[in-house]
Amino acid sequence: MFKKEHLEAMRRVLESVCRDFDAELVEFNGEHDHVHLLVNYPPKVALSTLVASLKGVSSRLLRQYIEQQAPH
């Protein structure tokens, strides 16, 4: 379940990944169990590569963020 702070963190991560690909995160909208992205990316970038990176990086960093927020 994504909370507001999770979605905010995820947006920052996704924007960063997009910048690495010379792409732009145009729109971001999240719900409790998924997100919607509108990304403008250059034709030199394979869509499958961009999506794999967006999913992989966001998943890893969001897990780290949640672990840091958890009470110890």
PDB file of N, CA and C in Angstrom:
ATOM      1  N   MET A   1       0.840  -1.174   0.000  1.00  0.00           N
ATOM      2  CA  MET A   1       0.000   0.000   0.000  1.00  0.00           C
ATOM      3  C   MET A   1       0.891   1.245   0.000  1.00  0.00           C
ATOM      4  N   PHE A   2       0.703   2.083  -0.990  1.00  0.00           N
ATOM      5  CA  PHE A   2       1.459   3.325  -1.084  1.00  0.00           C
ATOM      6  C   PHE A   2       0.772   4.414  -0.261  1.00  0.00           C
ATOM      7  N   LYS A   3       1.540   5.021   0.613  1.00  0.00           N
ATOM      8  CA  LYS A   3       1.071   6.183   1.353  1.00  0.00           C
ATOM      9  C   LYS A   3       1.541   7.433   0.612  1.00  0.00           C
ATOM     10  N   LYS A   4       1.018   8.576   1.021  1.00  0.00           N
ATOM     11  CA  LYS A   4       1.364   9.839   0.355  1.00  0.00           C
ATOM     12  C   LYS A   4       2.872  10.058   0.332  1.00  0.00           C
ATOM     13  N   GLU A   5       3.543   9.803   1.449  1.00  0.00           N
ATOM     14  CA  GLU A   5       4.988  10.027   1.497  1.00  0.00           C
ATOM     15  C   GLU A   5       5.744   9.053   0.597  1.00  0.00           C
ATOM     16  N   HIS A   6       5.215   7.840   0.422  1.00  0.00           N
ATOM     17  CA  HIS A   6       5.831   6.877  -0.500  1.00  0.00           C
ATOM     18  C   HIS A   6       5.741   7.387  -1.934  1.00  0.00           C
ATOM     19  N   LEU A   7       4.578   7.907  -2.292  1.00  0.00           N
ATOM     20  CA  LEU A   7       4.377   8.419  -3.645  1.00  0.00           C
ATOM     21  C   LEU A   7       5.264   9.630  -3.913  1.00  0.00           C
ATOM     22  N   GLU A   8       5.426  10.487  -2.919  1.00  0.00           N
ATOM     23  CA  GLU A   8       6.298  11.649  -3.083  1.00  0.00           C
ATOM     24  C   GLU A   8       7.745  11.211  -3.298  1.00  0.00           C
ATOM     25  N   ALA A   9       8.191  10.241  -2.517  1.00  0.00           N
ATOM     26  CA  ALA A   9       9.551   9.715  -2.675  1.00  0.00           C
ATOM     27  C   ALA A   9       9.700   9.047  -4.033  1.00  0.00           C
ATOM     28  N   MET A  10       8.688   8.299  -4.441  1.00  0.00           N
ATOM     29  CA  MET A  10       8.754   7.609  -5.716  1.00  0.00           C
ATOM     30  C   MET A  10       8.826   8.597  -6.877  1.00  0.00           C
ATOM     31  N   ARG A  11       8.081   9.673  -6.787  1.00  0.00           N
ATOM     32  CA  ARG A  11       8.119  10.679  -7.858  1.00  0.00           C
ATOM     33  C   ARG A  11       9.531  11.237  -8.026  1.00  0.00           C
ATOM     34  N   ARG A  12      10.181  11.551  -6.913  1.00  0.00           N
ATOM     35  CA  ARG A  12      11.554  12.073  -6.987  1.00  0.00           C
ATOM     36  C   ARG A  12      12.497  11.065  -7.632  1.00  0.00           C
ATOM     37  N   VAL A  13      12.349   9.803  -7.263  1.00  0.00           N
ATOM     38  CA  VAL A  13      13.191   8.741  -7.824  1.00  0.00           C
ATOM     39  C   VAL A  13      12.950   8.603  -9.327  1.00  0.00           C
ATOM     40  N   LEU A  14      11.690   8.583  -9.727  1.00  0.00           N
ATOM     41  CA  LEU A  14      11.358   8.417 -11.139  1.00  0.00           C
ATOM     42  C   LEU A  14      11.838   9.602 -11.965  1.00  0.00           C
ATOM     43  N   GLU A  15      11.741  10.804 -11.418  1.00  0.00           N
ATOM     44  CA  GLU A  15      12.265  11.980 -12.117  1.00  0.00           C
ATOM     45  C   GLU A  15      13.768  11.852 -12.330  1.00  0.00           C
ATOM     46  N   SER A  16      14.469  11.352 -11.329  1.00  0.00           N
ATOM     47  CA  SER A  16      15.910  11.176 -11.430  1.00  0.00           C
ATOM     48  C   SER A  16      16.267  10.139 -12.495  1.00  0.00           C
ATOM     49  N   VAL A  17      15.570   9.031 -12.504  1.00  0.00           N
ATOM     50  CA  VAL A  17      15.823   7.989 -13.509  1.00  0.00           C
ATOM     51  C   VAL A  17      15.560   8.548 -14.906  1.00  0.00           C
ATOM     52  N   CYS A  18      14.481   9.281 -15.063  1.00  0.00           N
ATOM     53  CA  CYS A  18      14.172   9.879 -16.364  1.00  0.00           C
ATOM     54  C   CYS A  18      15.302  10.798 -16.819  1.00  0.00           C
ATOM     55  N   ARG A  19      15.817  11.610 -15.907  1.00  0.00           N
ATOM     56  CA  ARG A  19      16.922  12.510 -16.273  1.00  0.00           C
ATOM     57  C   ARG A  19      18.128  11.721 -16.775  1.00  0.00           C
ATOM     58  N   ASP A  20      18.395  10.573 -16.157  1.00  0.00           N
ATOM     59  CA  ASP A  20      19.522   9.736 -16.582  1.00  0.00           C
ATOM     60  C   ASP A  20      19.365   9.268 -18.025  1.00  0.00           C
ATOM     61  N   PHE A  21      18.142   9.189 -18.513  1.00  0.00           N
ATOM     62  CA  PHE A  21      17.858   8.742 -19.878  1.00  0.00           C
ATOM     63  C   PHE A  21      17.534   9.923 -20.810  1.00  0.00           C
ATOM     64  N   ASP A  22      17.804  11.133 -20.365  1.00  0.00           N
ATOM     65  CA  ASP A  22      17.425  12.338 -21.124  1.00  0.00           C
ATOM     66  C   ASP A  22      15.938  12.349 -21.430  1.00  0.00           C
ATOM     67  N   ALA A  23      15.167  11.847 -20.491  1.00  0.00           N
ATOM     68  CA  ALA A  23      13.712  11.797 -20.612  1.00  0.00           C
ATOM     69  C   ALA A  23      13.107  12.754 -19.592  1.00  0.00           C
ATOM     70  N   GLU A  24      11.806  12.978 -19.714  1.00  0.00           N
ATOM     71  CA  GLU A  24      11.105  13.885 -18.804  1.00  0.00           C
ATOM     72  C   GLU A  24       9.858  13.198 -18.250  1.00  0.00           C
ATOM     73  N   LEU A  25       9.717  13.212 -16.947  1.00  0.00           N
ATOM     74  CA  LEU A  25       8.495  12.728 -16.309  1.00  0.00           C
ATOM     75  C   LEU A  25       7.479  13.862 -16.400  1.00  0.00           C
ATOM     76  N   VAL A  26       6.539  13.746 -17.341  1.00  0.00           N
ATOM     77  CA  VAL A  26       5.582  14.815 -17.619  1.00  0.00           C
ATOM     78  C   VAL A  26       4.460  14.810 -16.593  1.00  0.00           C
ATOM     79  N   GLU A  27       3.921  13.634 -16.307  1.00  0.00           N
ATOM     80  CA  GLU A  27       2.842  13.504 -15.324  1.00  0.00           C
ATOM     81  C   GLU A  27       3.078  12.258 -14.478  1.00  0.00           C
ATOM     82  N   PHE A  28       2.680  12.367 -13.225  1.00  0.00           N
ATOM     83  CA  PHE A  28       2.797  11.263 -12.270  1.00  0.00           C
ATOM     84  C   PHE A  28       1.543  11.267 -11.421  1.00  0.00           C
ATOM     85  N   ASN A  29       0.923  10.104 -11.313  1.00  0.00           N
ATOM     86  CA  ASN A  29      -0.270   9.984 -10.480  1.00  0.00           C
ATOM     87  C   ASN A  29      -0.211   8.622  -9.814  1.00  0.00           C
ATOM     88  N   GLY A  30      -0.404   8.589  -8.521  1.00  0.00           N
ATOM     89  CA  GLY A  30      -0.330   7.330  -7.804  1.00  0.00           C
ATOM     90  C   GLY A  30      -1.599   7.012  -7.072  1.00  0.00           C
ATOM     91  N   GLU A  31      -1.866   5.737  -6.955  1.00  0.00           N
ATOM     92  CA  GLU A  31      -2.979   5.237  -6.168  1.00  0.00           C
ATOM     93  C   GLU A  31      -2.408   4.316  -5.102  1.00  0.00           C
ATOM     94  N   HIS A  32      -3.264   3.675  -4.341  1.00  0.00           N
ATOM     95  CA  HIS A  32      -2.768   2.879  -3.209  1.00  0.00           C
ATOM     96  C   HIS A  32      -1.963   1.657  -3.638  1.00  0.00           C
ATOM     97  N   ASP A  33      -2.118   1.193  -4.876  1.00  0.00           N
ATOM     98  CA  ASP A  33      -1.412  -0.024  -5.278  1.00  0.00           C
ATOM     99  C   ASP A  33      -0.682   0.074  -6.613  1.00  0.00           C
ATOM    100  N   HIS A  34      -0.699   1.240  -7.261  1.00  0.00           N
ATOM    101  CA  HIS A  34       0.020   1.390  -8.522  1.00  0.00           C
ATOM    102  C   HIS A  34       0.173   2.876  -8.870  1.00  0.00           C
ATOM    103  N   VAL A  35       1.006   3.130  -9.871  1.00  0.00           N
ATOM    104  CA  VAL A  35       1.214   4.501 -10.325  1.00  0.00           C
ATOM    105  C   VAL A  35       1.014   4.575 -11.841  1.00  0.00           C
ATOM    106  N   HIS A  36       0.727   5.786 -12.304  1.00  0.00           N
ATOM    107  CA  HIS A  36       0.616   6.077 -13.725  1.00  0.00           C
ATOM    108  C   HIS A  36       1.678   7.111 -14.064  1.00  0.00           C
ATOM    109  N   LEU A  37       2.384   6.888 -15.165  1.00  0.00           N
ATOM    110  CA  LEU A  37       3.421   7.812 -15.596  1.00  0.00           C
ATOM    111  C   LEU A  37       3.165   8.234 -17.035  1.00  0.00           C
ATOM    112  N   LEU A  38       3.436   9.478 -17.326  1.00  0.00           N
ATOM    113  CA  LEU A  38       3.499   9.963 -18.697  1.00  0.00           C
ATOM    114  C   LEU A  38       4.919  10.467 -18.868  1.00  0.00           C
ATOM    115  N   VAL A  39       5.673   9.806 -19.741  1.00  0.00           N
ATOM    116  CA  VAL A  39       7.096  10.106 -19.899  1.00  0.00           C
ATOM    117  C   VAL A  39       7.371  10.490 -21.351  1.00  0.00           C
ATOM    118  N   ASN A  40       8.090  11.574 -21.519  1.00  0.00           N
ATOM    119  CA  ASN A  40       8.569  11.983 -22.833  1.00  0.00           C
ATOM    120  C   ASN A  40      10.022  11.530 -22.909  1.00  0.00           C
ATOM    121  N   TYR A  41      10.318  10.618 -23.835  1.00  0.00           N
ATOM    122  CA  TYR A  41      11.675  10.087 -23.921  1.00  0.00           C
ATOM    123  C   TYR A  41      12.174  10.157 -25.358  1.00  0.00           C
ATOM    124  N   PRO A  42      13.491  10.282 -25.543  1.00  0.00           N
ATOM    125  CA  PRO A  42      14.046  10.405 -26.891  1.00  0.00           C
ATOM    126  C   PRO A  42      13.991   9.063 -27.643  1.00  0.00           C
ATOM    127  N   PRO A  43      13.934   9.127 -28.961  1.00  0.00           N
ATOM    128  CA  PRO A  43      13.831   7.895 -29.751  1.00  0.00           C
ATOM    129  C   PRO A  43      15.043   6.982 -29.633  1.00  0.00           C
ATOM    130  N   LYS A  44      16.174   7.512 -29.185  1.00  0.00           N
ATOM    131  CA  LYS A  44      17.375   6.674 -29.041  1.00  0.00           C
ATOM    132  C   LYS A  44      17.244   5.694 -27.868  1.00  0.00           C
ATOM    133  N   VAL A  45      16.283   5.934 -26.975  1.00  0.00           N
ATOM    134  CA  VAL A  45      16.093   5.098 -25.787  1.00  0.00           C
ATOM    135  C   VAL A  45      15.066   4.009 -26.077  1.00  0.00           C
ATOM    136  N   ALA A  46      15.448   2.772 -25.827  1.00  0.00           N
ATOM    137  CA  ALA A  46      14.500   1.668 -25.981  1.00  0.00           C
ATOM    138  C   ALA A  46      13.497   1.720 -24.831  1.00  0.00           C
ATOM    139  N   LEU A  47      12.226   1.678 -25.164  1.00  0.00           N
ATOM    140  CA  LEU A  47      11.176   1.759 -24.148  1.00  0.00           C
ATOM    141  C   LEU A  47      11.352   0.671 -23.096  1.00  0.00           C
ATOM    142  N   SER A  48      11.671  -0.541 -23.518  1.00  0.00           N
ATOM    143  CA  SER A  48      11.828  -1.642 -22.560  1.00  0.00           C
ATOM    144  C   SER A  48      12.958  -1.368 -21.566  1.00  0.00           C
ATOM    145  N   THR A  49      14.025  -0.743 -22.028  1.00  0.00           N
ATOM    146  CA  THR A  49      15.147  -0.407 -21.137  1.00  0.00           C
ATOM    147  C   THR A  49      14.741   0.659 -20.129  1.00  0.00           C
ATOM    148  N   LEU A  50      14.043   1.672 -20.610  1.00  0.00           N
ATOM    149  CA  LEU A  50      13.582   2.738 -19.720  1.00  0.00           C
ATOM    150  C   LEU A  50      12.629   2.198 -18.662  1.00  0.00           C
ATOM    151  N   VAL A  51      11.654   1.403 -19.079  1.00  0.00           N
ATOM    152  CA  VAL A  51      10.669   0.855 -18.137  1.00  0.00           C
ATOM    153  C   VAL A  51      11.352  -0.065 -17.126  1.00  0.00           C
ATOM    154  N   ALA A  52      12.270  -0.907 -17.584  1.00  0.00           N
ATOM    155  CA  ALA A  52      12.975  -1.803 -16.665  1.00  0.00           C
ATOM    156  C   ALA A  52      13.743  -1.007 -15.612  1.00  0.00           C
ATOM    157  N   SER A  53      14.370   0.078 -16.032  1.00  0.00           N
ATOM    158  CA  SER A  53      15.112   0.896 -15.082  1.00  0.00           C
ATOM    159  C   SER A  53      14.172   1.617 -14.119  1.00  0.00           C
ATOM    160  N   LEU A  54      13.081   2.174 -14.642  1.00  0.00           N
ATOM    161  CA  LEU A  54      12.109   2.846 -13.775  1.00  0.00           C
ATOM    162  C   LEU A  54      11.567   1.888 -12.720  1.00  0.00           C
ATOM    163  N   LYS A  55      11.215   0.685 -13.125  1.00  0.00           N
ATOM    164  CA  LYS A  55      10.660  -0.288 -12.175  1.00  0.00           C
ATOM    165  C   LYS A  55      11.707  -0.773 -11.184  1.00  0.00           C
ATOM    166  N   GLY A  56      12.882  -1.110 -11.691  1.00  0.00           N
ATOM    167  CA  GLY A  56      13.919  -1.665 -10.826  1.00  0.00           C
ATOM    168  C   GLY A  56      14.437  -0.669  -9.806  1.00  0.00           C
ATOM    169  N   VAL A  57      14.791   0.510 -10.271  1.00  0.00           N
ATOM    170  CA  VAL A  57      15.341   1.528  -9.370  1.00  0.00           C
ATOM    171  C   VAL A  57      14.291   1.984  -8.365  1.00  0.00           C
ATOM    172  N   SER A  58      13.072   2.241  -8.840  1.00  0.00           N
ATOM    173  CA  SER A  58      12.038   2.721  -7.915  1.00  0.00           C
ATOM    174  C   SER A  58      11.709   1.666  -6.863  1.00  0.00           C
ATOM    175  N   SER A  59      11.667   0.422  -7.258  1.00  0.00           N
ATOM    176  CA  SER A  59      11.374  -0.652  -6.301  1.00  0.00           C
ATOM    177  C   SER A  59      12.453  -0.732  -5.225  1.00  0.00           C
ATOM    178  N   ARG A  60      13.705  -0.734  -5.656  1.00  0.00           N
ATOM    179  CA  ARG A  60      14.815  -0.853  -4.707  1.00  0.00           C
ATOM    180  C   ARG A  60      14.866   0.346  -3.760  1.00  0.00           C
ATOM    181  N   LEU A  61      14.782   1.555  -4.311  1.00  0.00           N
ATOM    182  CA  LEU A  61      14.892   2.745  -3.470  1.00  0.00           C
ATOM    183  C   LEU A  61      13.676   2.940  -2.578  1.00  0.00           C
ATOM    184  N   LEU A  62      12.503   2.565  -3.050  1.00  0.00           N
ATOM    185  CA  LEU A  62      11.306   2.685  -2.212  1.00  0.00           C
ATOM    186  C   LEU A  62      11.388   1.711  -1.032  1.00  0.00           C
ATOM    187  N   ARG A  63      11.879   0.510  -1.280  1.00  0.00           N
ATOM    188  CA  ARG A  63      12.063  -0.442  -0.165  1.00  0.00           C
ATOM    189  C   ARG A  63      13.039   0.116   0.864  1.00  0.00           C
ATOM    190  N   GLN A  64      14.127   0.722   0.392  1.00  0.00           N
ATOM    191  CA  GLN A  64      15.093   1.323   1.315  1.00  0.00           C
ATOM    192  C   GLN A  64      14.445   2.458   2.110  1.00  0.00           C
ATOM    193  N   TYR A  65      13.662   3.286   1.430  1.00  0.00           N
ATOM    194  CA  TYR A  65      12.983   4.403   2.088  1.00  0.00           C
ATOM    195  C   TYR A  65      12.041   3.892   3.175  1.00  0.00           C
ATOM    196  N   ILE A  66      11.265   2.864   2.870  1.00  0.00           N
ATOM    197  CA  ILE A  66      10.312   2.305   3.829  1.00  0.00           C
ATOM    198  C   ILE A  66      11.042   1.705   5.021  1.00  0.00           C
ATOM    199  N   GLU A  67      12.139   1.015   4.761  1.00  0.00           N
ATOM    200  CA  GLU A  67      12.923   0.421   5.853  1.00  0.00           C
ATOM    201  C   GLU A  67      13.483   1.496   6.769  1.00  0.00           C
ATOM    202  N   GLN A  68      13.917   2.614   6.197  1.00  0.00           N
ATOM    203  CA  GLN A  68      14.450   3.709   7.005  1.00  0.00           C
ATOM    204  C   GLN A  68      13.361   4.351   7.875  1.00  0.00           C
ATOM    205  N   GLN A  69      12.130   4.362   7.392  1.00  0.00           N
ATOM    206  CA  GLN A  69      11.013   4.988   8.105  1.00  0.00           C
ATOM    207  C   GLN A  69      10.432   4.080   9.180  1.00  0.00           C
ATOM    208  N   ALA A  70      10.689   2.791   9.086  1.00  0.00           N
ATOM    209  CA  ALA A  70      10.115   1.834  10.030  1.00  0.00           C
ATOM    210  C   ALA A  70      10.732   2.028  11.421  1.00  0.00           C
ATOM    211  N   PRO A  71       9.908   1.905  12.447  1.00  0.00           N
ATOM    212  CA  PRO A  71      10.446   1.994  13.814  1.00  0.00           C
ATOM    213  C   PRO A  71      11.390   0.826  14.087  1.00  0.00           C
ATOM    214  N   HIS A  72      12.459   1.106  14.796  1.00  0.00           N
ATOM    215  CA  HIS A  72      13.458   0.070  15.078  1.00  0.00           C
ATOM    216  C   HIS A  72      13.292  -0.484  16.444  1.00  0.00           C
TER     217      HIS A  72
END
